[in-house]
Amino acid sequence: MRTDSTQGGGHDLRHHGDAEVRDDGARLTDLAVNVRADTPPAWLRERIAGSLAGLAAYPDGRQARAAVAARHEVPVERVLLTAGAAEAFVLLARALTVRHAVVVHPQFTEPEAALRDAGHVVDRLLLREEDGFRLDPATVPEDADLVVVGNPTNPTSVLHPAATIAGLARPGRTLVVDEAFLDAVPGEREALAGRTDVPGLVVLRSLTKTWGLAGLRIGYVLAAPETIADLERAQPLWPVSTPALAAAVACMEPRALAEAAHAAHRVGTDRAHLVAGLREFAPDGLRVVEPAEGPFVLVRLPRATDVRRHLRDLGFAVRRGDTFPGLGEEWLRLAVRDRATVNSFLQALDQAVTLAQH
């Protein structure tokens, strides 16, 4: 591991997977965006549609906030609803007084981008491939008063032990854990959401990934009441729409939690099928970061830029990896899809690799 305080560092921190499927990319089979396929389900669309009759009134988030609190068994004062998890990163960057911010990379780049936009200098802790992109708490500077880490981490799909992350807590330090993909892990292993015994802990959750609500923008923050109050003061009035609030309530209900748990197991099975297929490309130099625990996998392969271009010609979009600090042009992130889609993708990958070698 090493630290890097270079501002920007040549990485496009604003590049996200959706860029791969815009415009002409809309015709492609999407393995670039980490949103569960075939979502939102019909029952959730109906709940959202049913909320439209109330659009004349200003949004009232009390019911949704209480639902999130009940789901995580915490007081409502420890919950803040946000317009997606991305808004929470902006609020944290604006509301917190930070002297030494450290972002653990490779990970989702929006936290660092928000901190930089707010005028903060950011140190990067770059996890290494040879360590399996796993975090050693001893490498986090002791004087860091803000530490940001994803779990499971996007794009590496590494799931860090909860005890390891909780061990980063220090008096006077804010520890931000992005758990946007944790509900895609069976049993939500290693979750810190709902923990009230870790000082300075801030957990971010998103309903975008599992429920297919990227266009609706709904997420939430779990933290100490005083931190929630600081973030709420930085928020505009009525930041979460009535339809998004309806979705939040629906996704906290027992039926939804059971469906999410079932989906997590299905993702695990589909991911195993994808990884097994990718291992067949080892003679071509392809390496999968394992064990993968999220709804995506990270791979390294020679001539990845050419392979990605050929995959587009063959009808598949994948996420380039070089916009993530700590990774280069030889990295690609692949979203987990159903077995039939994976089989078609693996056939296309075989062709793309062959074309890139000539």
Protein backbone atom coordinates (compact mmCIF):
# COMPACT_ATOMS: atom_id res chain seq x y z
CA MET A 1 0.00 0.00 0.00
CA ARG A 2 1.11 3.56 -0.55
CA THR A 3 -0.28 7.03 -0.18
CA ASP A 4 -0.68 9.54 -2.99
CA SER A 5 -1.62 13.17 -2.37
CA THR A 6 -1.41 14.26 -6.02
CA GLN A 7 -4.49 16.33 -6.71
CA GLY A 8 -6.46 14.70 -9.50
CA GLY A 9 -3.68 12.29 -10.37
CA GLY A 10 -4.71 12.15 -14.03
CA HIS A 11 -7.83 10.10 -13.28
CA ASP A 12 -11.25 11.13 -14.51
CA LEU A 13 -13.06 10.99 -11.17
CA ARG A 14 -16.35 11.92 -12.82
CA HIS A 15 -16.42 8.96 -15.19
CA HIS A 16 -19.02 6.35 -14.22
CA GLY A 17 -20.31 3.16 -15.77
CA ASP A 18 -23.39 4.80 -17.24
CA ALA A 19 -21.16 6.62 -19.72
CA GLU A 20 -20.57 3.27 -21.44
CA VAL A 21 -24.25 2.84 -22.31
CA ARG A 22 -25.32 6.35 -23.25
CA ASP A 23 -26.23 7.36 -26.78
CA ASP A 24 -25.00 4.63 -29.17
CA GLY A 25 -24.22 2.43 -26.15
CA ALA A 26 -27.94 2.03 -25.43
CA ARG A 27 -28.03 -0.80 -27.97
CA LEU A 28 -25.41 -2.82 -26.06
CA THR A 29 -25.86 -5.57 -23.50
CA ASP A 30 -24.88 -3.77 -20.31
CA LEU A 31 -22.16 -5.21 -18.09
CA ALA A 32 -20.89 -1.73 -17.26
CA VAL A 33 -23.50 -0.48 -14.77
CA ASN A 34 -23.79 -2.15 -11.37
CA VAL A 35 -27.59 -2.05 -11.18
CA ARG A 36 -29.43 -5.37 -10.84
CA ALA A 37 -31.06 -6.36 -14.10
CA ASP A 38 -34.84 -6.52 -14.52
CA THR A 39 -35.47 -3.93 -11.82
CA PRO A 40 -37.40 -2.22 -10.38
CA PRO A 41 -39.85 -5.10 -9.94
CA ALA A 42 -43.51 -4.61 -10.84
CA TRP A 43 -44.71 -4.31 -7.24
CA LEU A 44 -42.19 -1.53 -6.58
CA ARG A 45 -43.12 0.34 -9.76
CA GLU A 46 -46.74 0.18 -8.63
CA ARG A 47 -45.89 1.64 -5.22
CA ILE A 48 -43.95 4.46 -6.84
CA ALA A 49 -46.74 5.14 -9.33
CA GLY A 50 -49.25 5.20 -6.51
CA SER A 51 -47.35 8.07 -4.90
CA LEU A 52 -47.89 10.35 -7.89
CA ALA A 53 -51.34 11.39 -6.68
CA GLY A 54 -49.60 13.20 -3.83
CA LEU A 55 -47.24 15.33 -5.89
CA ALA A 56 -49.12 18.55 -5.11
CA ALA A 57 -47.91 18.33 -1.50
CA TYR A 58 -44.35 18.94 -0.38
CA PRO A 59 -42.45 15.71 0.37
CA ASP A 60 -42.76 14.44 3.94
CA GLY A 61 -39.91 12.10 4.79
CA ARG A 62 -40.97 11.12 8.30
CA GLN A 63 -42.47 7.75 7.39
CA ALA A 64 -39.52 6.78 5.21
CA ARG A 65 -37.05 7.89 7.83
CA ALA A 66 -38.86 5.83 10.46
CA ALA A 67 -38.89 2.82 8.12
CA VAL A 68 -35.13 3.00 7.60
CA ALA A 69 -34.56 3.41 11.33
CA ALA A 70 -36.73 0.38 12.08
CA ARG A 71 -34.96 -1.72 9.43
CA HIS A 72 -31.57 -1.01 11.05
CA GLU A 73 -32.91 -0.87 14.64
CA VAL A 74 -31.63 2.63 15.34
CA PRO A 75 -33.36 5.84 16.47
CA VAL A 76 -34.70 8.07 13.70
CA GLU A 77 -32.24 10.75 14.82
CA ARG A 78 -29.48 8.54 13.39
CA VAL A 79 -31.00 8.50 9.87
CA LEU A 80 -30.78 10.99 7.01
CA LEU A 81 -32.50 10.38 3.68
CA THR A 82 -30.59 11.58 0.62
CA ALA A 83 -31.04 11.89 -3.13
CA GLY A 84 -28.89 8.81 -3.67
CA ALA A 85 -25.70 7.96 -1.83
CA ALA A 86 -23.82 10.38 -4.08
CA GLU A 87 -25.57 13.34 -2.43
CA ALA A 88 -24.36 12.11 0.94
CA PHE A 89 -20.74 12.42 -0.20
CA VAL A 90 -21.36 16.04 -1.17
CA LEU A 91 -23.02 16.77 2.17
CA LEU A 92 -20.13 15.23 4.09
CA ALA A 93 -17.61 17.25 2.10
CA ARG A 94 -19.51 20.48 2.75
CA ALA A 95 -20.54 19.94 6.36
CA LEU A 96 -17.46 18.44 7.97
CA THR A 97 -14.40 20.31 9.13
CA VAL A 98 -11.53 18.22 7.79
CA ARG A 99 -7.80 18.65 8.26
CA HIS A 100 -6.49 15.39 6.82
CA ALA A 101 -8.77 13.40 4.50
CA VAL A 102 -7.75 9.92 3.36
CA VAL A 103 -9.67 7.99 0.72
CA VAL A 104 -8.91 4.29 0.32
CA HIS A 105 -8.53 3.38 -3.37
CA PRO A 106 -9.34 1.81 -5.74
CA GLN A 107 -12.94 2.66 -4.93
CA PHE A 108 -15.95 4.65 -6.11
CA THR A 109 -14.47 8.02 -7.10
CA GLU A 110 -17.36 10.31 -6.14
CA PRO A 111 -16.27 10.72 -2.46
CA GLU A 112 -12.89 12.08 -3.51
CA ALA A 113 -14.41 14.27 -6.22
CA ALA A 114 -16.85 15.79 -3.70
CA LEU A 115 -14.06 16.45 -1.20
CA ARG A 116 -11.92 18.14 -3.83
CA ASP A 117 -14.84 20.24 -5.05
CA ALA A 118 -15.33 21.45 -1.48
CA GLY A 119 -11.70 22.56 -1.31
CA HIS A 120 -10.24 19.69 0.68
CA VAL A 121 -6.82 18.21 -0.03
CA VAL A 122 -7.15 14.44 -0.31
CA ASP A 123 -4.54 11.78 0.39
CA ARG A 124 -5.04 8.49 -1.38
CA LEU A 125 -4.28 5.17 0.24
CA LEU A 126 -3.71 2.88 -2.74
CA LEU A 127 -4.32 -0.80 -2.06
CA ARG A 128 -2.17 -3.16 -4.11
CA GLU A 129 -3.04 -6.00 -6.42
CA GLU A 130 -0.39 -8.21 -4.83
CA ASP A 131 -2.22 -7.84 -1.50
CA GLY A 132 -5.53 -8.75 -3.09
CA PHE A 133 -6.60 -5.10 -2.68
CA ARG A 134 -7.15 -5.84 1.01
CA LEU A 135 -6.85 -3.14 3.64
CA ASP A 136 -4.15 -3.14 6.30
CA PRO A 137 -5.37 -0.74 9.03
CA ALA A 138 -1.78 0.03 10.00
CA THR A 139 -1.28 1.86 6.71
CA VAL A 140 -3.96 4.47 7.47
CA PRO A 141 -2.23 7.61 8.83
CA GLU A 142 -2.94 8.08 12.51
CA ASP A 143 -3.60 11.80 12.07
CA ALA A 144 -6.31 11.27 9.42
CA ASP A 145 -9.53 12.81 10.74
CA LEU A 146 -11.62 11.58 7.78
CA VAL A 147 -11.24 8.11 6.28
CA VAL A 148 -13.44 6.88 3.42
CA VAL A 149 -13.65 3.22 2.42
CA GLY A 150 -16.12 1.11 0.43
CA ASN A 151 -17.37 -2.29 1.56
CA PRO A 152 -17.70 -4.32 -0.57
CA THR A 153 -15.42 -2.07 -2.54
CA ASN A 154 -16.31 -0.89 -6.02
CA PRO A 155 -14.58 -1.89 -8.35
CA THR A 156 -12.46 -4.58 -6.66
CA SER A 157 -15.42 -6.55 -5.20
CA VAL A 158 -13.36 -7.06 -2.02
CA LEU A 159 -15.36 -7.44 1.19
CA HIS A 160 -13.31 -6.19 4.13
CA PRO A 161 -13.96 -7.67 7.59
CA ALA A 162 -16.21 -5.42 9.67
CA ALA A 163 -13.73 -5.69 12.54
CA THR A 164 -10.93 -4.40 10.32
CA ILE A 165 -12.91 -1.34 9.30
CA ALA A 166 -14.29 -0.69 12.78
CA GLY A 167 -10.69 -0.82 14.01
CA LEU A 168 -10.00 2.35 12.02
CA ALA A 169 -12.16 4.38 14.40
CA ARG A 170 -10.32 6.95 16.50
CA PRO A 171 -11.37 9.82 18.75
CA GLY A 172 -11.88 12.87 16.54
CA ARG A 173 -11.99 10.83 13.33
CA THR A 174 -14.96 10.47 10.98
CA LEU A 175 -15.02 6.99 9.44
CA VAL A 176 -17.17 6.89 6.31
CA VAL A 177 -18.10 3.42 5.04
CA ASP A 178 -19.84 3.19 1.67
CA GLU A 179 -22.10 0.13 1.90
CA ALA A 180 -23.96 0.77 -1.36
CA PHE A 181 -23.50 -2.88 -2.38
CA LEU A 182 -23.71 -4.55 1.02
CA ASP A 183 -27.29 -5.70 0.50
CA ALA A 184 -26.03 -7.73 -2.47
CA VAL A 185 -23.90 -9.80 -0.07
CA PRO A 186 -25.76 -12.82 1.35
CA GLY A 187 -26.64 -12.19 4.98
CA GLU A 188 -25.08 -8.70 4.68
CA ARG A 189 -21.90 -10.17 6.12
CA GLU A 190 -19.46 -7.61 7.51
CA ALA A 191 -22.09 -4.85 7.63
CA LEU A 192 -21.57 -1.91 9.97
CA ALA A 193 -24.97 -0.36 9.27
CA GLY A 194 -26.87 -0.18 12.54
CA ARG A 195 -23.75 -0.22 14.72
CA THR A 196 -23.81 2.52 17.36
CA ASP A 197 -20.69 1.44 19.26
CA VAL A 198 -18.13 2.66 16.70
CA PRO A 199 -17.19 6.30 17.36
CA GLY A 200 -17.34 8.61 14.35
CA LEU A 201 -18.92 5.96 12.12
CA VAL A 202 -20.91 7.15 9.10
CA VAL A 203 -22.49 4.45 6.93
CA LEU A 204 -23.95 5.19 3.50
CA ARG A 205 -26.53 2.97 1.86
CA SER A 206 -28.15 3.12 -1.58
CA LEU A 207 -31.38 1.67 -2.92
CA THR A 208 -30.16 2.19 -6.47
CA LYS A 209 -28.24 -1.02 -7.03
CA THR A 210 -30.48 -3.78 -5.77
CA TRP A 211 -33.77 -2.16 -6.73
CA GLY A 212 -32.87 -0.45 -10.02
CA LEU A 213 -33.68 3.08 -8.88
CA ALA A 214 -30.76 5.03 -10.34
CA GLY A 215 -33.20 7.39 -12.03
CA LEU A 216 -35.13 8.05 -8.83
CA ARG A 217 -32.16 8.93 -6.55
CA ILE A 218 -32.72 7.52 -3.09
CA GLY A 219 -30.21 6.56 -0.41
CA TYR A 220 -29.54 7.25 3.25
CA VAL A 221 -26.94 7.93 5.90
CA LEU A 222 -26.65 6.26 9.29
CA ALA A 223 -24.57 8.17 11.84
CA ALA A 224 -24.56 9.78 15.28
CA PRO A 225 -27.39 12.30 15.75
CA GLU A 226 -25.03 15.28 15.87
CA THR A 227 -23.47 14.25 12.55
CA ILE A 228 -26.91 13.75 11.00
CA ALA A 229 -27.89 17.24 12.20
CA ASP A 230 -24.77 18.75 10.58
CA LEU A 231 -25.49 17.00 7.29
CA GLU A 232 -29.16 17.98 7.36
CA ARG A 233 -28.20 21.66 7.71
CA ALA A 234 -26.11 21.34 4.55
CA GLN A 235 -29.03 19.82 2.63
CA PRO A 236 -31.48 21.86 0.55
CA LEU A 237 -35.12 21.82 1.56
CA TRP A 238 -37.16 18.78 0.45
CA PRO A 239 -34.16 16.99 -1.10
CA VAL A 240 -35.91 13.65 -1.60
CA SER A 241 -38.97 13.47 -3.84
CA THR A 242 -42.31 11.94 -2.84
CA PRO A 243 -41.88 8.99 -5.25
CA ALA A 244 -38.40 8.32 -3.84
CA LEU A 245 -39.77 8.39 -0.30
CA ALA A 246 -42.47 5.90 -1.29
CA ALA A 247 -39.78 3.64 -2.70
CA ALA A 248 -37.76 3.88 0.51
CA VAL A 249 -40.73 2.80 2.60
CA ALA A 250 -41.49 -0.09 0.26
CA CYS A 251 -37.90 -1.33 0.19
CA MET A 252 -37.71 -1.48 3.99
CA GLU A 253 -40.70 -3.83 4.29
CA PRO A 254 -40.20 -7.53 5.16
CA ARG A 255 -41.30 -8.65 1.70
CA ALA A 256 -38.69 -6.45 0.06
CA LEU A 257 -35.92 -7.48 2.45
CA ALA A 258 -36.70 -11.13 1.73
CA GLU A 259 -36.59 -10.48 -2.02
CA ALA A 260 -33.27 -8.64 -1.67
CA ALA A 261 -31.84 -11.54 0.34
CA HIS A 262 -32.93 -13.99 -2.35
CA ALA A 263 -31.42 -11.76 -5.04
CA ALA A 264 -28.12 -11.67 -3.14
CA HIS A 265 -27.89 -15.45 -3.22
CA ARG A 266 -28.77 -15.50 -6.91
CA VAL A 267 -26.08 -12.92 -7.63
CA GLY A 268 -23.60 -15.11 -5.80
CA THR A 269 -24.48 -18.09 -8.01
CA ASP A 270 -24.33 -16.02 -11.19
CA ARG A 271 -21.03 -14.47 -10.11
CA ALA A 272 -19.51 -17.90 -9.54
CA HIS A 273 -20.54 -18.88 -13.08
CA LEU A 274 -18.96 -15.71 -14.49
CA VAL A 275 -15.72 -16.17 -12.54
CA ALA A 276 -15.45 -19.82 -13.59
CA GLY A 277 -15.80 -18.76 -17.22
CA LEU A 278 -13.25 -15.99 -16.85
CA ARG A 279 -10.70 -18.38 -15.37
CA GLU A 280 -10.69 -20.17 -18.73
CA PHE A 281 -8.92 -17.11 -20.15
CA ALA A 282 -5.92 -17.48 -17.85
CA PRO A 283 -3.71 -18.66 -20.76
CA ASP A 284 -4.50 -15.32 -22.42
CA GLY A 285 -3.20 -13.48 -19.36
CA LEU A 286 -6.56 -12.66 -17.78
CA ARG A 287 -6.65 -12.50 -13.99
CA VAL A 288 -9.75 -12.17 -11.80
CA VAL A 289 -9.52 -10.41 -8.44
CA GLU A 290 -10.74 -13.03 -5.98
CA PRO A 291 -12.61 -13.67 -3.85
CA ALA A 292 -15.22 -11.39 -5.40
CA GLU A 293 -18.11 -10.63 -3.05
CA GLY A 294 -20.07 -7.89 -4.82
CA PRO A 295 -22.38 -7.92 -7.87
CA PHE A 296 -19.37 -7.24 -10.12
CA VAL A 297 -15.86 -8.54 -10.71
CA LEU A 298 -12.59 -6.82 -11.54
CA VAL A 299 -10.29 -8.34 -14.14
CA ARG A 300 -6.86 -7.53 -15.47
CA LEU A 301 -5.89 -8.56 -18.96
CA PRO A 302 -3.43 -7.54 -21.66
CA ARG A 303 -4.67 -5.09 -24.29
CA ALA A 304 -7.82 -4.42 -22.26
CA THR A 305 -8.53 -1.19 -24.14
CA ASP A 306 -8.62 -3.08 -27.43
CA VAL A 307 -10.65 -5.89 -25.90
CA ARG A 308 -13.19 -3.39 -24.59
CA ARG A 309 -13.47 -1.77 -28.03
CA HIS A 310 -14.00 -5.13 -29.73
CA LEU A 311 -16.59 -6.09 -27.12
CA ARG A 312 -18.56 -2.97 -28.02
CA ASP A 313 -18.47 -3.99 -31.68
CA LEU A 314 -19.77 -7.39 -30.58
CA GLY A 315 -22.62 -5.84 -28.61
CA PHE A 316 -21.34 -5.69 -25.01
CA ALA A 317 -20.49 -2.73 -22.76
CA VAL A 318 -18.01 -3.17 -19.89
CA ARG A 319 -16.58 -0.64 -17.48
CA ARG A 320 -13.07 0.67 -18.10
CA GLY A 321 -10.89 0.54 -15.01
CA ASP A 322 -8.32 3.23 -15.63
CA THR A 323 -10.48 6.01 -14.13
CA PHE A 324 -10.06 4.42 -10.68
CA PRO A 325 -6.95 5.60 -8.80
CA GLY A 326 -4.64 2.65 -8.33
CA LEU A 327 -5.68 0.95 -11.57
CA GLY A 328 -4.48 1.32 -15.16
CA GLU A 329 -5.64 0.68 -18.70
CA GLU A 330 -5.34 -3.11 -18.34
CA TRP A 331 -8.30 -3.28 -15.91
CA LEU A 332 -12.01 -3.85 -16.62
CA ARG A 333 -15.00 -4.16 -14.29
CA LEU A 334 -17.78 -6.57 -15.24
CA ALA A 335 -21.25 -6.49 -13.74
CA VAL A 336 -22.73 -9.86 -12.81
CA ARG A 337 -25.62 -10.88 -15.02
CA ASP A 338 -27.77 -14.01 -15.44
CA ARG A 339 -26.25 -17.22 -16.75
CA ALA A 340 -27.54 -16.84 -20.32
CA THR A 341 -26.16 -13.31 -20.61
CA VAL A 342 -22.85 -14.41 -19.10
CA ASN A 343 -22.56 -17.27 -21.58
CA SER A 344 -23.12 -14.89 -24.50
CA PHE A 345 -20.62 -12.46 -23.01
CA LEU A 346 -17.95 -15.12 -22.58
CA GLN A 347 -18.31 -16.09 -26.25
CA ALA A 348 -17.92 -12.44 -27.24
CA LEU A 349 -14.93 -12.09 -24.91
CA ASP A 350 -13.26 -15.03 -26.60
CA GLN A 351 -13.65 -13.29 -29.95
CA ALA A 352 -12.56 -9.91 -28.56
CA VAL A 353 -9.41 -11.35 -27.00
CA THR A 354 -8.51 -13.10 -30.28
CA LEU A 355 -9.07 -9.91 -32.27
CA ALA A 356 -6.96 -7.88 -29.82
CA GLN A 357 -4.06 -10.32 -30.20
CA HIS A 358 -3.84 -9.75 -33.95
